[in-house]
Amino acid sequence: MQIKPDFTIQKVGSTYIAVAVGETSKTFHAMIKLNETGAFLWNLLAERDLTEDELTDALLGEYEIDRETAARDVKRIVEALTANGVLQ
């Protein structure tokens, strides 16, 4: 899975905001708020196609958390991004 090219993310204060750009902005009128972990995963998915296991491994390499917590966080963001039509 990977972030569709018509989405971008910007840091606003301590929060990250993802919005649609280009043609997609004509039909997607929402903003997605992300914390630091969510933005980290977003940026990985914007760069290349990754699986949930690869994202979990990346979280484990970046943050001091256990595998269960990392996998749960990954699943949560993947579900949210999928529900909003952001992933391809």
PDB file of N, CA and C in Angstrom:
ATOM      1  N   MET A   1       0.835  -1.173   0.000  1.00  0.00           N
ATOM      2  CA  MET A   1       0.000   0.000   0.000  1.00  0.00           C
ATOM      3  C   MET A   1       0.882   1.237   0.000  1.00  0.00           C
ATOM      4  N   GLN A   2       0.318   2.313  -0.499  1.00  0.00           N
ATOM      5  CA  GLN A   2       1.079   3.553  -0.626  1.00  0.00           C
ATOM      6  C   GLN A   2       0.104   4.731  -0.630  1.00  0.00           C
ATOM      7  N   ILE A   3       0.576   5.889  -0.160  1.00  0.00           N
ATOM      8  CA  ILE A   3      -0.245   7.103  -0.187  1.00  0.00           C
ATOM      9  C   ILE A   3      -0.457   7.510  -1.648  1.00  0.00           C
ATOM     10  N   LYS A   4      -1.694   7.853  -1.994  1.00  0.00           N
ATOM     11  CA  LYS A   4      -1.981   8.342  -3.345  1.00  0.00           C
ATOM     12  C   LYS A   4      -1.219   9.644  -3.575  1.00  0.00           C
ATOM     13  N   PRO A   5      -0.775   9.883  -4.797  1.00  0.00           N
ATOM     14  CA  PRO A   5       0.051  11.069  -5.062  1.00  0.00           C
ATOM     15  C   PRO A   5      -0.666  12.408  -4.888  1.00  0.00           C
ATOM     16  N   ASP A   6      -1.987  12.402  -4.830  1.00  0.00           N
ATOM     17  CA  ASP A   6      -2.734  13.658  -4.696  1.00  0.00           C
ATOM     18  C   ASP A   6      -2.962  14.075  -3.248  1.00  0.00           C
ATOM     19  N   PHE A   7      -2.116  13.600  -2.332  1.00  0.00           N
ATOM     20  CA  PHE A   7      -2.211  13.998  -0.930  1.00  0.00           C
ATOM     21  C   PHE A   7      -0.858  14.492  -0.465  1.00  0.00           C
ATOM     22  N   THR A   8      -0.896  15.475   0.418  1.00  0.00           N
ATOM     23  CA  THR A   8       0.333  16.026   0.979  1.00  0.00           C
ATOM     24  C   THR A   8       0.143  16.230   2.469  1.00  0.00           C
ATOM     25  N   ILE A   9       1.239  16.358   3.168  1.00  0.00           N
ATOM     26  CA  ILE A   9       1.204  16.548   4.614  1.00  0.00           C
ATOM     27  C   ILE A   9       2.060  17.755   4.983  1.00  0.00           C
ATOM     28  N   GLN A  10       1.578  18.525   5.951  1.00  0.00           N
ATOM     29  CA  GLN A  10       2.300  19.704   6.422  1.00  0.00           C
ATOM     30  C   GLN A  10       2.262  19.721   7.943  1.00  0.00           C
ATOM     31  N   LYS A  11       3.317  20.223   8.547  1.00  0.00           N
ATOM     32  CA  LYS A  11       3.342  20.377   9.999  1.00  0.00           C
ATOM     33  C   LYS A  11       2.797  21.751  10.360  1.00  0.00           C
ATOM     34  N   VAL A  12       1.832  21.766  11.276  1.00  0.00           N
ATOM     35  CA  VAL A  12       1.234  23.007  11.758  1.00  0.00           C
ATOM     36  C   VAL A  12       1.342  22.969  13.281  1.00  0.00           C
ATOM     37  N   GLY A  13       2.269  23.717  13.831  1.00  0.00           N
ATOM     38  CA  GLY A  13       2.533  23.645  15.263  1.00  0.00           C
ATOM     39  C   GLY A  13       3.110  22.281  15.597  1.00  0.00           C
ATOM     40  N   SER A  14       2.448  21.575  16.483  1.00  0.00           N
ATOM     41  CA  SER A  14       2.917  20.232  16.847  1.00  0.00           C
ATOM     42  C   SER A  14       2.084  19.139  16.191  1.00  0.00           C
ATOM     43  N   THR A  15       1.175  19.537  15.304  1.00  0.00           N
ATOM     44  CA  THR A  15       0.283  18.604  14.621  1.00  0.00           C
ATOM     45  C   THR A  15       0.628  18.550  13.140  1.00  0.00           C
ATOM     46  N   TYR A  16       0.372  17.411  12.544  1.00  0.00           N
ATOM     47  CA  TYR A  16       0.563  17.244  11.110  1.00  0.00           C
ATOM     48  C   TYR A  16      -0.818  17.170  10.462  1.00  0.00           C
ATOM     49  N   ILE A  17      -0.972  17.875   9.357  1.00  0.00           N
ATOM     50  CA  ILE A  17      -2.247  17.925   8.644  1.00  0.00           C
ATOM     51  C   ILE A  17      -2.026  17.403   7.220  1.00  0.00           C
ATOM     52  N   ALA A  18      -2.838  16.431   6.848  1.00  0.00           N
ATOM     53  CA  ALA A  18      -2.796  15.891   5.484  1.00  0.00           C
ATOM     54  C   ALA A  18      -4.022  16.400   4.729  1.00  0.00           C
ATOM     55  N   VAL A  19      -3.794  16.848   3.519  1.00  0.00           N
ATOM     56  CA  VAL A  19      -4.880  17.364   2.684  1.00  0.00           C
ATOM     57  C   VAL A  19      -4.711  16.863   1.250  1.00  0.00           C
ATOM     58  N   ALA A  20      -5.817  16.900   0.529  1.00  0.00           N
ATOM     59  CA  ALA A  20      -5.788  16.539  -0.886  1.00  0.00           C
ATOM     60  C   ALA A  20      -5.332  17.737  -1.704  1.00  0.00           C
ATOM     61  N   VAL A  21      -4.636  17.470  -2.792  1.00  0.00           N
ATOM     62  CA  VAL A  21      -4.207  18.506  -3.727  1.00  0.00           C
ATOM     63  C   VAL A  21      -4.605  18.071  -5.133  1.00  0.00           C
ATOM     64  N   GLY A  22      -4.455  18.967  -6.074  1.00  0.00           N
ATOM     65  CA  GLY A  22      -4.755  18.629  -7.467  1.00  0.00           C
ATOM     66  C   GLY A  22      -6.215  18.276  -7.672  1.00  0.00           C
ATOM     67  N   GLU A  23      -6.474  17.370  -8.579  1.00  0.00           N
ATOM     68  CA  GLU A  23      -7.839  16.964  -8.920  1.00  0.00           C
ATOM     69  C   GLU A  23      -8.580  16.379  -7.722  1.00  0.00           C
ATOM     70  N   THR A  24      -7.873  15.677  -6.871  1.00  0.00           N
ATOM     71  CA  THR A  24      -8.506  15.039  -5.718  1.00  0.00           C
ATOM     72  C   THR A  24      -9.105  16.074  -4.772  1.00  0.00           C
ATOM     73  N   SER A  25      -8.536  17.264  -4.725  1.00  0.00           N
ATOM     74  CA  SER A  25      -9.059  18.297  -3.822  1.00  0.00           C
ATOM     75  C   SER A  25     -10.469  18.754  -4.220  1.00  0.00           C
ATOM     76  N   LYS A  26     -10.898  18.434  -5.427  1.00  0.00           N
ATOM     77  CA  LYS A  26     -12.247  18.798  -5.863  1.00  0.00           C
ATOM     78  C   LYS A  26     -13.311  17.915  -5.214  1.00  0.00           C
ATOM     79  N   THR A  27     -12.908  16.713  -4.783  1.00  0.00           N
ATOM     80  CA  THR A  27     -13.877  15.778  -4.199  1.00  0.00           C
ATOM     81  C   THR A  27     -13.574  15.415  -2.757  1.00  0.00           C
ATOM     82  N   PHE A  28     -12.344  15.608  -2.308  1.00  0.00           N
ATOM     83  CA  PHE A  28     -11.960  15.297  -0.936  1.00  0.00           C
ATOM     84  C   PHE A  28     -11.772  16.610  -0.194  1.00  0.00           C
ATOM     85  N   HIS A  29     -12.714  16.943   0.685  1.00  0.00           N
ATOM     86  CA  HIS A  29     -12.713  18.253   1.328  1.00  0.00           C
ATOM     87  C   HIS A  29     -12.365  18.197   2.815  1.00  0.00           C
ATOM     88  N   ALA A  30     -11.730  17.146   3.237  1.00  0.00           N
ATOM     89  CA  ALA A  30     -11.401  16.991   4.648  1.00  0.00           C
ATOM     90  C   ALA A  30      -9.920  17.211   4.891  1.00  0.00           C
ATOM     91  N   MET A  31      -9.583  17.314   6.166  1.00  0.00           N
ATOM     92  CA  MET A  31      -8.181  17.331   6.584  1.00  0.00           C
ATOM     93  C   MET A  31      -8.010  16.149   7.529  1.00  0.00           C
ATOM     94  N   ILE A  32      -6.859  15.527   7.460  1.00  0.00           N
ATOM     95  CA  ILE A  32      -6.550  14.419   8.349  1.00  0.00           C
ATOM     96  C   ILE A  32      -5.473  14.882   9.314  1.00  0.00           C
ATOM     97  N   LYS A  33      -5.779  14.855  10.617  1.00  0.00           N
ATOM     98  CA  LYS A  33      -4.814  15.260  11.635  1.00  0.00           C
ATOM     99  C   LYS A  33      -4.015  14.037  12.077  1.00  0.00           C
ATOM    100  N   LEU A  34      -2.702  14.197  12.128  1.00  0.00           N
ATOM    101  CA  LEU A  34      -1.819  13.110  12.529  1.00  0.00           C
ATOM    102  C   LEU A  34      -0.883  13.573  13.635  1.00  0.00           C
ATOM    103  N   ASN A  35      -0.540  12.650  14.514  1.00  0.00           N
ATOM    104  CA  ASN A  35       0.492  12.947  15.509  1.00  0.00           C
ATOM    105  C   ASN A  35       1.853  12.599  14.894  1.00  0.00           C
ATOM    106  N   GLU A  36       2.902  12.672  15.676  1.00  0.00           N
ATOM    107  CA  GLU A  36       4.251  12.419  15.158  1.00  0.00           C
ATOM    108  C   GLU A  36       4.397  11.003  14.595  1.00  0.00           C
ATOM    109  N   THR A  37       3.847  10.027  15.275  1.00  0.00           N
ATOM    110  CA  THR A  37       3.923   8.642  14.806  1.00  0.00           C
ATOM    111  C   THR A  37       3.160   8.472  13.502  1.00  0.00           C
ATOM    112  N   GLY A  38       1.973   9.043  13.439  1.00  0.00           N
ATOM    113  CA  GLY A  38       1.179   8.975  12.212  1.00  0.00           C
ATOM    114  C   GLY A  38       1.891   9.626  11.045  1.00  0.00           C
ATOM    115  N   ALA A  39       2.527  10.766  11.295  1.00  0.00           N
ATOM    116  CA  ALA A  39       3.270  11.451  10.238  1.00  0.00           C
ATOM    117  C   ALA A  39       4.478  10.631   9.794  1.00  0.00           C
ATOM    118  N   PHE A  40       5.137   9.972  10.739  1.00  0.00           N
ATOM    119  CA  PHE A  40       6.267   9.104  10.400  1.00  0.00           C
ATOM    120  C   PHE A  40       5.811   8.003   9.445  1.00  0.00           C
ATOM    121  N   LEU A  41       4.696   7.359   9.769  1.00  0.00           N
ATOM    122  CA  LEU A  41       4.172   6.295   8.905  1.00  0.00           C
ATOM    123  C   LEU A  41       3.701   6.861   7.562  1.00  0.00           C
ATOM    124  N   TRP A  42       3.052   8.016   7.593  1.00  0.00           N
ATOM    125  CA  TRP A  42       2.602   8.666   6.359  1.00  0.00           C
ATOM    126  C   TRP A  42       3.783   8.890   5.422  1.00  0.00           C
ATOM    127  N   ASN A  43       4.859   9.451   5.946  1.00  0.00           N
ATOM    128  CA  ASN A  43       6.023   9.752   5.110  1.00  0.00           C
ATOM    129  C   ASN A  43       6.635   8.496   4.515  1.00  0.00           C
ATOM    130  N   LEU A  44       6.640   7.407   5.258  1.00  0.00           N
ATOM    131  CA  LEU A  44       7.129   6.140   4.703  1.00  0.00           C
ATOM    132  C   LEU A  44       6.232   5.677   3.555  1.00  0.00           C
ATOM    133  N   LEU A  45       4.928   5.765   3.777  1.00  0.00           N
ATOM    134  CA  LEU A  45       3.972   5.332   2.754  1.00  0.00           C
ATOM    135  C   LEU A  45       3.949   6.261   1.546  1.00  0.00           C
ATOM    136  N   ALA A  46       4.347   7.493   1.721  1.00  0.00           N
ATOM    137  CA  ALA A  46       4.419   8.429   0.598  1.00  0.00           C
ATOM    138  C   ALA A  46       5.619   8.115  -0.289  1.00  0.00           C
ATOM    139  N   GLU A  47       6.648   7.529   0.308  1.00  0.00           N
ATOM    140  CA  GLU A  47       7.878   7.224  -0.436  1.00  0.00           C
ATOM    141  C   GLU A  47       7.794   5.949  -1.253  1.00  0.00           C
ATOM    142  N   ARG A  48       7.143   4.917  -0.670  1.00  0.00           N
ATOM    143  CA  ARG A  48       7.117   3.628  -1.382  1.00  0.00           C
ATOM    144  C   ARG A  48       6.005   2.732  -0.854  1.00  0.00           C
ATOM    145  N   ASP A  49       5.743   1.680  -1.591  1.00  0.00           N
ATOM    146  CA  ASP A  49       4.731   0.685  -1.265  1.00  0.00           C
ATOM    147  C   ASP A  49       5.246  -0.197  -0.124  1.00  0.00           C
ATOM    148  N   LEU A  50       4.523  -0.236   0.992  1.00  0.00           N
ATOM    149  CA  LEU A  50       4.948  -1.013   2.152  1.00  0.00           C
ATOM    150  C   LEU A  50       3.795  -1.847   2.706  1.00  0.00           C
ATOM    151  N   THR A  51       4.135  -2.944   3.352  1.00  0.00           N
ATOM    152  CA  THR A  51       3.136  -3.776   4.023  1.00  0.00           C
ATOM    153  C   THR A  51       3.001  -3.332   5.477  1.00  0.00           C
ATOM    154  N   GLU A  52       1.978  -3.828   6.151  1.00  0.00           N
ATOM    155  CA  GLU A  52       1.815  -3.512   7.568  1.00  0.00           C
ATOM    156  C   GLU A  52       3.003  -4.024   8.376  1.00  0.00           C
ATOM    157  N   ASP A  53       3.515  -5.204   8.030  1.00  0.00           N
ATOM    158  CA  ASP A  53       4.683  -5.745   8.742  1.00  0.00           C
ATOM    159  C   ASP A  53       5.905  -4.853   8.567  1.00  0.00           C
ATOM    160  N   GLU A  54       6.107  -4.328   7.366  1.00  0.00           N
ATOM    161  CA  GLU A  54       7.241  -3.430   7.128  1.00  0.00           C
ATOM    162  C   GLU A  54       7.080  -2.125   7.907  1.00  0.00           C
ATOM    163  N   LEU A  55       5.862  -1.628   7.982  1.00  0.00           N
ATOM    164  CA  LEU A  55       5.602  -0.413   8.757  1.00  0.00           C
ATOM    165  C   LEU A  55       5.826  -0.660  10.244  1.00  0.00           C
ATOM    166  N   THR A  56       5.410  -1.817  10.720  1.00  0.00           N
ATOM    167  CA  THR A  56       5.631  -2.178  12.122  1.00  0.00           C
ATOM    168  C   THR A  56       7.117  -2.237  12.426  1.00  0.00           C
ATOM    169  N   ASP A  57       7.882  -2.865  11.550  1.00  0.00           N
ATOM    170  CA  ASP A  57       9.334  -2.940  11.740  1.00  0.00           C
ATOM    171  C   ASP A  57       9.959  -1.550  11.747  1.00  0.00           C
ATOM    172  N   ALA A  58       9.465  -0.669  10.890  1.00  0.00           N
ATOM    173  CA  ALA A  58       9.990   0.697  10.839  1.00  0.00           C
ATOM    174  C   ALA A  58       9.702   1.437  12.151  1.00  0.00           C
ATOM    175  N   LEU A  59       8.503   1.257  12.692  1.00  0.00           N
ATOM    176  CA  LEU A  59       8.174   1.881  13.974  1.00  0.00           C
ATOM    177  C   LEU A  59       9.085   1.369  15.085  1.00  0.00           C
ATOM    178  N   LEU A  60       9.329   0.065  15.075  1.00  0.00           N
ATOM    179  CA  LEU A  60      10.207  -0.520  16.092  1.00  0.00           C
ATOM    180  C   LEU A  60      11.620   0.031  15.988  1.00  0.00           C
ATOM    181  N   GLY A  61      12.052   0.345  14.785  1.00  0.00           N
ATOM    182  CA  GLY A  61      13.378   0.903  14.586  1.00  0.00           C
ATOM    183  C   GLY A  61      13.487   2.371  14.972  1.00  0.00           C
ATOM    184  N   GLU A  62      12.361   3.056  14.975  1.00  0.00           N
ATOM    185  CA  GLU A  62      12.351   4.500  15.248  1.00  0.00           C
ATOM    186  C   GLU A  62      11.983   4.838  16.699  1.00  0.00           C
ATOM    187  N   TYR A  63      11.093   4.045  17.282  1.00  0.00           N
ATOM    188  CA  TYR A  63      10.578   4.337  18.615  1.00  0.00           C
ATOM    189  C   TYR A  63      10.830   3.153  19.552  1.00  0.00           C
ATOM    190  N   GLU A  64      10.937   3.445  20.822  1.00  0.00           N
ATOM    191  CA  GLU A  64      11.138   2.396  21.817  1.00  0.00           C
ATOM    192  C   GLU A  64       9.782   1.906  22.317  1.00  0.00           C
ATOM    193  N   ILE A  65       9.174   1.023  21.516  1.00  0.00           N
ATOM    194  CA  ILE A  65       7.879   0.434  21.855  1.00  0.00           C
ATOM    195  C   ILE A  65       7.945  -1.056  21.573  1.00  0.00           C
ATOM    196  N   ASP A  66       6.980  -1.790  22.097  1.00  0.00           N
ATOM    197  CA  ASP A  66       6.944  -3.231  21.851  1.00  0.00           C
ATOM    198  C   ASP A  66       6.215  -3.520  20.536  1.00  0.00           C
ATOM    199  N   ARG A  67       6.408  -4.716  20.009  1.00  0.00           N
ATOM    200  CA  ARG A  67       5.842  -5.096  18.716  1.00  0.00           C
ATOM    201  C   ARG A  67       4.318  -5.016  18.729  1.00  0.00           C
ATOM    202  N   GLU A  68       3.691  -5.425  19.804  1.00  0.00           N
ATOM    203  CA  GLU A  68       2.231  -5.408  19.872  1.00  0.00           C
ATOM    204  C   GLU A  68       1.689  -3.985  19.740  1.00  0.00           C
ATOM    205  N   THR A  69       2.292  -3.045  20.427  1.00  0.00           N
ATOM    206  CA  THR A  69       1.871  -1.645  20.344  1.00  0.00           C
ATOM    207  C   THR A  69       2.110  -1.090  18.948  1.00  0.00           C
ATOM    208  N   ALA A  70       3.271  -1.393  18.377  1.00  0.00           N
ATOM    209  CA  ALA A  70       3.594  -0.913  17.028  1.00  0.00           C
ATOM    210  C   ALA A  70       2.597  -1.466  16.008  1.00  0.00           C
ATOM    211  N   ALA A  71       2.314  -2.762  16.089  1.00  0.00           N
ATOM    212  CA  ALA A  71       1.387  -3.387  15.143  1.00  0.00           C
ATOM    213  C   ALA A  71      -0.013  -2.803  15.289  1.00  0.00           C
ATOM    214  N   ARG A  72      -0.435  -2.537  16.522  1.00  0.00           N
ATOM    215  CA  ARG A  72      -1.757  -1.955  16.761  1.00  0.00           C
ATOM    216  C   ARG A  72      -1.830  -0.535  16.182  1.00  0.00           C
ATOM    217  N   ASP A  73      -0.768   0.254  16.388  1.00  0.00           N
ATOM    218  CA  ASP A  73      -0.734   1.613  15.843  1.00  0.00           C
ATOM    219  C   ASP A  73      -0.766   1.610  14.322  1.00  0.00           C
ATOM    220  N   VAL A  74      -0.011   0.704  13.720  1.00  0.00           N
ATOM    221  CA  VAL A  74       0.016   0.593  12.257  1.00  0.00           C
ATOM    222  C   VAL A  74      -1.367   0.212  11.745  1.00  0.00           C
ATOM    223  N   LYS A  75      -1.971  -0.782  12.355  1.00  0.00           N
ATOM    224  CA  LYS A  75      -3.299  -1.223  11.917  1.00  0.00           C
ATOM    225  C   LYS A  75      -4.307  -0.071  12.000  1.00  0.00           C
ATOM    226  N   ARG A  76      -4.235   0.694  13.073  1.00  0.00           N
ATOM    227  CA  ARG A  76      -5.165   1.810  13.268  1.00  0.00           C
ATOM    228  C   ARG A  76      -5.010   2.862  12.169  1.00  0.00           C
ATOM    229  N   ILE A  77      -3.788   3.241  11.852  1.00  0.00           N
ATOM    230  CA  ILE A  77      -3.614   4.283  10.830  1.00  0.00           C
ATOM    231  C   ILE A  77      -3.937   3.752   9.436  1.00  0.00           C
ATOM    232  N   VAL A  78      -3.584   2.504   9.164  1.00  0.00           N
ATOM    233  CA  VAL A  78      -3.905   1.925   7.852  1.00  0.00           C
ATOM    234  C   VAL A  78      -5.418   1.872   7.661  1.00  0.00           C
ATOM    235  N   GLU A  79      -6.146   1.484   8.696  1.00  0.00           N
ATOM    236  CA  GLU A  79      -7.609   1.452   8.603  1.00  0.00           C
ATOM    237  C   GLU A  79      -8.179   2.846   8.362  1.00  0.00           C
ATOM    238  N   ALA A  80      -7.658   3.841   9.062  1.00  0.00           N
ATOM    239  CA  ALA A  80      -8.152   5.213   8.901  1.00  0.00           C
ATOM    240  C   ALA A  80      -7.842   5.755   7.512  1.00  0.00           C
ATOM    241  N   LEU A  81      -6.636   5.521   7.036  1.00  0.00           N
ATOM    242  CA  LEU A  81      -6.262   6.015   5.704  1.00  0.00           C
ATOM    243  C   LEU A  81      -7.042   5.296   4.610  1.00  0.00           C
ATOM    244  N   THR A  82      -7.271   4.012   4.798  1.00  0.00           N
ATOM    245  CA  THR A  82      -8.062   3.238   3.823  1.00  0.00           C
ATOM    246  C   THR A  82      -9.497   3.754   3.799  1.00  0.00           C
ATOM    247  N   ALA A  83     -10.082   3.969   4.972  1.00  0.00           N
ATOM    248  CA  ALA A  83     -11.467   4.443   5.053  1.00  0.00           C
ATOM    249  C   ALA A  83     -11.645   5.804   4.400  1.00  0.00           C
ATOM    250  N   ASN A  84     -10.583   6.618   4.414  1.00  0.00           N
ATOM    251  CA  ASN A  84     -10.641   7.950   3.803  1.00  0.00           C
ATOM    252  C   ASN A  84     -10.198   7.958   2.347  1.00  0.00           C
ATOM    253  N   GLY A  85      -9.859   6.791   1.797  1.00  0.00           N
ATOM    254  CA  GLY A  85      -9.478   6.715   0.384  1.00  0.00           C
ATOM    255  C   GLY A  85      -8.118   7.291   0.072  1.00  0.00           C
ATOM    256  N   VAL A  86      -7.213   7.296   1.044  1.00  0.00           N
ATOM    257  CA  VAL A  86      -5.904   7.906   0.863  1.00  0.00           C
ATOM    258  C   VAL A  86      -4.872   6.905   0.328  1.00  0.00           C
ATOM    259  N   LEU A  87      -5.100   5.625   0.570  1.00  0.00           N
ATOM    260  CA  LEU A  87      -4.115   4.609   0.143  1.00  0.00           C
ATOM    261  C   LEU A  87      -4.477   4.001  -1.197  1.00  0.00           C
ATOM    262  N   GLN A  88      -3.448   3.627  -1.919  1.00  0.00           N
ATOM    263  CA  GLN A  88      -3.663   2.899  -3.176  1.00  0.00           C
ATOM    264  C   GLN A  88      -2.976   1.556  -3.094  1.00  0.00           C
TER     265      GLN A  88
END
